C-alpha atoms as a PDB file:
ATOM      1  CA  UNK A   1     -57.995  59.423  56.489  1.00  0.00           C
ATOM      2  CA  UNK A   2     -56.024  58.884  53.302  1.00  0.00           C
ATOM      3  CA  UNK A   3     -53.122  57.523  55.388  1.00  0.00           C
ATOM      4  CA  UNK A   4     -55.455  55.010  57.068  1.00  0.00           C
ATOM      5  CA  UNK A   5     -56.592  53.638  53.693  1.00  0.00           C
ATOM      6  CA  UNK A   6     -52.979  53.326  52.548  1.00  0.00           C
ATOM      7  CA  UNK A   7     -52.043  51.585  55.814  1.00  0.00           C
ATOM      8  CA  UNK A   8     -54.993  49.179  55.558  1.00  0.00           C
ATOM      9  CA  UNK A   9     -54.172  48.530  51.894  1.00  0.00           C
ATOM     10  CA  UNK A  10     -50.527  47.743  52.703  1.00  0.00           C
ATOM     11  CA  UNK A  11     -51.582  45.538  55.623  1.00  0.00           C
ATOM     12  CA  UNK A  12     -54.054  43.646  53.413  1.00  0.00           C
ATOM     13  CA  UNK A  13     -51.473  43.268  50.616  1.00  0.00           C
ATOM     14  CA  UNK A  14     -48.757  41.997  52.972  1.00  0.00           C
ATOM     15  CA  UNK A  15     -51.122  39.434  54.484  1.00  0.00           C
ATOM     16  CA  UNK A  16     -51.979  38.194  50.987  1.00  0.00           C
ATOM     17  CA  UNK A  17     -48.300  37.869  50.038  1.00  0.00           C
ATOM     18  CA  UNK A  18     -47.346  35.996  53.170  1.00  0.00           C
ATOM     19  CA  UNK A  19     -50.140  33.487  52.668  1.00  0.00           C
ATOM     20  CA  UNK A  20     -48.740  32.591  49.239  1.00  0.00           C
ATOM     21  CA  UNK A  21     -45.407  31.505  50.689  1.00  0.00           C
ATOM     22  CA  UNK A  22     -45.258  28.085  52.277  1.00  0.00           C
ATOM     23  CA  UNK A  23     -42.359  26.463  54.063  1.00  0.00           C
ATOM     24  CA  UNK A  24     -41.551  23.047  52.609  1.00  0.00           C
ATOM     25  CA  UNK A  25     -39.855  20.404  54.692  1.00  0.00           C
ATOM     26  CA  UNK A  26     -36.377  19.861  53.287  1.00  0.00           C
ATOM     27  CA  UNK A  27     -35.282  16.250  53.535  1.00  0.00           C
ATOM     28  CA  UNK A  28     -31.520  15.965  53.303  1.00  0.00           C
ATOM     29  CA  UNK A  29     -29.599  13.547  51.139  1.00  0.00           C
ATOM     30  CA  UNK A  30     -27.890  10.933  53.295  1.00  0.00           C
ATOM     31  CA  UNK A  31     -24.547   9.746  51.894  1.00  0.00           C
ATOM     32  CA  UNK A  32     -24.303   5.962  51.537  1.00  0.00           C
ATOM     33  CA  UNK A  33     -20.826   5.940  50.017  1.00  0.00           C
ATOM     34  CA  UNK A  34     -18.615   8.573  48.489  1.00  0.00           C
ATOM     35  CA  UNK A  35     -15.395   8.660  46.508  1.00  0.00           C
ATOM     36  CA  UNK A  36     -13.644  11.713  45.105  1.00  0.00           C
ATOM     37  CA  UNK A  37     -15.582  11.658  41.855  1.00  0.00           C
ATOM     38  CA  UNK A  38     -18.613   9.411  42.528  1.00  0.00           C
ATOM     39  CA  UNK A  39     -21.210   9.281  45.317  1.00  0.00           C
ATOM     40  CA  UNK A  40     -24.352   7.361  46.273  1.00  0.00           C
ATOM     41  CA  UNK A  41     -26.960   9.237  48.288  1.00  0.00           C
ATOM     42  CA  UNK A  42     -30.334   8.327  49.786  1.00  0.00           C
ATOM     43  CA  UNK A  43     -33.397  10.540  50.246  1.00  0.00           C
ATOM     44  CA  UNK A  44     -36.315   8.609  51.735  1.00  0.00           C
ATOM     45  CA  UNK A  45     -36.727   5.632  49.337  1.00  0.00           C
ATOM     46  CA  UNK A  46     -34.973   7.333  46.421  1.00  0.00           C
ATOM     47  CA  UNK A  47     -31.283   6.854  45.618  1.00  0.00           C
ATOM     48  CA  UNK A  48     -29.063   9.159  43.584  1.00  0.00           C
ATOM     49  CA  UNK A  49     -25.676   8.402  42.055  1.00  0.00           C
ATOM     50  CA  UNK A  50     -23.607  11.483  41.257  1.00  0.00           C
ATOM     51  CA  UNK A  51     -20.376  11.471  39.303  1.00  0.00           C
ATOM     52  CA  UNK A  52     -17.828  13.811  37.804  1.00  0.00           C
ATOM     53  CA  UNK A  53     -18.421  13.792  34.047  1.00  0.00           C
ATOM     54  CA  UNK A  54     -15.162  12.885  32.294  1.00  0.00           C
ATOM     55  CA  UNK A  55     -16.885  13.328  28.924  1.00  0.00           C
ATOM     56  CA  UNK A  56     -16.874  17.118  29.428  1.00  0.00           C
ATOM     57  CA  UNK A  57     -13.861  19.338  28.884  1.00  0.00           C
ATOM     58  CA  UNK A  58     -14.801  21.149  32.110  1.00  0.00           C
ATOM     59  CA  UNK A  59     -14.059  18.649  34.886  1.00  0.00           C
ATOM     60  CA  UNK A  60     -16.263  20.632  37.279  1.00  0.00           C
ATOM     61  CA  UNK A  61     -19.339  19.153  35.593  1.00  0.00           C
ATOM     62  CA  UNK A  62     -21.189  16.698  37.819  1.00  0.00           C
ATOM     63  CA  UNK A  63     -24.079  14.582  36.628  1.00  0.00           C
ATOM     64  CA  UNK A  64     -26.512  12.338  38.455  1.00  0.00           C
ATOM     65  CA  UNK A  65     -29.200   9.754  37.950  1.00  0.00           C
ATOM     66  CA  UNK A  66     -31.715   8.484  40.456  1.00  0.00           C
ATOM     67  CA  UNK A  67     -34.075   5.635  41.088  1.00  0.00           C
ATOM     68  CA  UNK A  68     -36.341   4.257  43.786  1.00  0.00           C
ATOM     69  CA  UNK A  69     -35.403   1.206  45.818  1.00  0.00           C
ATOM     70  CA  UNK A  70     -38.641  -0.641  44.993  1.00  0.00           C
ATOM     71  CA  UNK A  71     -37.578  -4.302  44.910  1.00  0.00           C
ATOM     72  CA  UNK A  72     -34.248  -3.974  46.698  1.00  0.00           C
ATOM     73  CA  UNK A  73     -32.893  -2.419  43.487  1.00  0.00           C
ATOM     74  CA  UNK A  74     -29.845  -0.888  45.179  1.00  0.00           C
ATOM     75  CA  UNK A  75     -28.607  -4.265  46.400  1.00  0.00           C
ATOM     76  CA  UNK A  76     -29.404  -5.857  43.026  1.00  0.00           C
ATOM     77  CA  UNK A  77     -27.400  -3.171  41.221  1.00  0.00           C
ATOM     78  CA  UNK A  78     -24.488  -3.711  43.588  1.00  0.00           C
ATOM     79  CA  UNK A  79     -24.582  -7.504  43.106  1.00  0.00           C
ATOM     80  CA  UNK A  80     -24.889  -7.129  39.318  1.00  0.00           C
ATOM     81  CA  UNK A  81     -21.782  -4.923  39.202  1.00  0.00           C
ATOM     82  CA  UNK A  82     -19.826  -7.272  41.494  1.00  0.00           C
ATOM     83  CA  UNK A  83     -20.620 -10.334  39.378  1.00  0.00           C
ATOM     84  CA  UNK A  84     -19.651  -8.520  36.196  1.00  0.00           C
ATOM     85  CA  UNK A  85     -16.385  -7.316  37.751  1.00  0.00           C
ATOM     86  CA  UNK A  86     -15.477 -10.958  38.463  1.00  0.00           C
ATOM     87  CA  UNK A  87     -16.559 -12.204  35.031  1.00  0.00           C
ATOM     88  CA  UNK A  88     -16.909  -9.181  32.692  1.00  0.00           C
ATOM     89  CA  UNK A  89     -19.586  -9.467  29.996  1.00  0.00           C
ATOM     90  CA  UNK A  90     -18.644  -9.164  26.327  1.00  0.00           C
ATOM     91  CA  UNK A  91     -20.791  -6.055  25.890  1.00  0.00           C
ATOM     92  CA  UNK A  92     -22.159  -3.343  28.187  1.00  0.00           C
ATOM     93  CA  UNK A  93     -25.026  -4.045  30.573  1.00  0.00           C
ATOM     94  CA  UNK A  94     -27.741  -1.543  29.648  1.00  0.00           C
ATOM     95  CA  UNK A  95     -30.154  -0.414  32.357  1.00  0.00           C
ATOM     96  CA  UNK A  96     -33.217   1.762  31.895  1.00  0.00           C
ATOM     97  CA  UNK A  97     -33.909   4.156  34.751  1.00  0.00           C
ATOM     98  CA  UNK A  98     -36.964   6.444  34.999  1.00  0.00           C
ATOM     99  CA  UNK A  99     -35.241   9.378  33.253  1.00  0.00           C
ATOM    100  CA  UNK A 100     -32.001   7.980  31.865  1.00  0.00           C
ATOM    101  CA  UNK A 101     -30.337   4.985  30.287  1.00  0.00           C
ATOM    102  CA  UNK A 102     -27.195   3.749  32.036  1.00  0.00           C
ATOM    103  CA  UNK A 103     -24.600   1.546  30.405  1.00  0.00           C
ATOM    104  CA  UNK A 104     -22.364  -0.368  32.771  1.00  0.00           C
ATOM    105  CA  UNK A 105     -19.151  -0.467  30.748  1.00  0.00           C
ATOM    106  CA  UNK A 106     -16.540  -2.980  31.927  1.00  0.00           C
ATOM    107  CA  UNK A 107     -12.866  -2.725  31.025  1.00  0.00           C
ATOM    108  CA  UNK A 108      -9.591  -4.107  32.298  1.00  0.00           C
ATOM    109  CA  UNK A 109      -7.337  -1.268  33.524  1.00  0.00           C
ATOM    110  CA  UNK A 110      -3.864  -1.818  34.970  1.00  0.00           C
ATOM    111  CA  UNK A 111      -4.539  -5.544  35.409  1.00  0.00           C
ATOM    112  CA  UNK A 112      -7.815  -5.004  37.269  1.00  0.00           C
ATOM    113  CA  UNK A 113     -11.429  -5.215  36.091  1.00  0.00           C
ATOM    114  CA  UNK A 114     -13.231  -1.878  36.326  1.00  0.00           C
ATOM    115  CA  UNK A 115     -16.692  -0.468  35.649  1.00  0.00           C
ATOM    116  CA  UNK A 116     -17.759   2.884  34.244  1.00  0.00           C
ATOM    117  CA  UNK A 117     -21.231   4.470  34.295  1.00  0.00           C
ATOM    118  CA  UNK A 118     -22.151   5.837  30.867  1.00  0.00           C
ATOM    119  CA  UNK A 119     -25.348   7.883  31.118  1.00  0.00           C
ATOM    120  CA  UNK A 120     -27.644   8.717  28.224  1.00  0.00           C
ATOM    121  CA  UNK A 121     -29.103  11.847  29.806  1.00  0.00           C
ATOM    122  CA  UNK A 122     -32.900  12.129  29.558  1.00  0.00           C
ATOM    123  CA  UNK A 123     -32.765   9.152  27.148  1.00  0.00           C
ATOM    124  CA  UNK A 124     -31.402  11.507  24.468  1.00  0.00           C
ATOM    125  CA  UNK A 125     -28.409  10.019  22.645  1.00  0.00           C
ATOM    126  CA  UNK A 126     -27.034  13.517  22.008  1.00  0.00           C
ATOM    127  CA  UNK A 127     -26.172  13.961  25.697  1.00  0.00           C
ATOM    128  CA  UNK A 128     -23.789  11.421  27.180  1.00  0.00           C
ATOM    129  CA  UNK A 129     -22.049  11.542  30.566  1.00  0.00           C
ATOM    130  CA  UNK A 130     -19.241   9.232  31.707  1.00  0.00           C
ATOM    131  CA  UNK A 131     -17.896   8.505  35.168  1.00  0.00           C
ATOM    132  CA  UNK A 132     -14.357   7.531  36.054  1.00  0.00           C
ATOM    133  CA  UNK A 133     -13.575   3.819  36.009  1.00  0.00           C
ATOM    134  CA  UNK A 134     -14.247   2.153  39.367  1.00  0.00           C
ATOM    135  CA  UNK A 135     -12.486  -0.858  40.851  1.00  0.00           C
ATOM    136  CA  UNK A 136     -14.163  -3.471  43.074  1.00  0.00           C
ATOM    137  CA  UNK A 137     -12.821  -1.623  46.115  1.00  0.00           C
ATOM    138  CA  UNK A 138     -14.368   1.626  44.797  1.00  0.00           C
ATOM    139  CA  UNK A 139     -17.721  -0.085  44.176  1.00  0.00           C
ATOM    140  CA  UNK A 140     -17.695  -1.534  47.713  1.00  0.00           C
ATOM    141  CA  UNK A 141     -17.035   1.926  49.129  1.00  0.00           C
ATOM    142  CA  UNK A 142     -19.669   3.547  46.885  1.00  0.00           C
ATOM    143  CA  UNK A 143     -22.380   1.149  48.064  1.00  0.00           C
ATOM    144  CA  UNK A 144     -21.315   1.421  51.708  1.00  0.00           C
ATOM    145  CA  UNK A 145     -19.944  -2.125  51.842  1.00  0.00           C
ATOM    146  CA  UNK A 146     -16.296  -1.290  52.465  1.00  0.00           C
ATOM    147  CA  UNK A 147     -14.836  -3.107  55.482  1.00  0.00           C
ATOM    148  CA  UNK A 148     -12.909  -0.854  57.803  1.00  0.00           C
ATOM    149  CA  UNK A 149      -9.523  -2.281  58.695  1.00  0.00           C
ATOM    150  CA  UNK A 150      -8.358   0.339  61.176  1.00  0.00           C
ATOM    151  CA  UNK A 151      -6.435  -2.200  63.254  1.00  0.00           C
ATOM    152  CA  UNK A 152      -4.418  -3.539  60.320  1.00  0.00           C
ATOM    153  CA  UNK A 153      -1.597  -1.580  58.783  1.00  0.00           C
END
């Protein structure tokens, strides 16, 4: 009799525990464009840019910032970067994202205009992350706009 109560108690307890666990649908990040140190990924209508933080001594540190593509924001960001790579602004372009502030820092490196993402993490000026400098070709590849020239060598 005592064993039956223990068995029923264990059965009741296990049914209560299993009802607390729910399986959540995992939606994968779809890569839009990826370089060695920077990537753009899509998850439903949300986009994430990840980058290797060159501001850290440990080069295994990756940071990211994300935003929703509400008013074709991804294409607008791409076009904004392209225009500034052609005619670099005097100062950084500062963008406010939901959780972070991103400075688009433009600099001429090795005779070519480049852009760098400088992230103020969680809008706290104490925590800054910096990407590598990206060329126009890198930006095209990042945003999935790179033209494949497999036939040309």
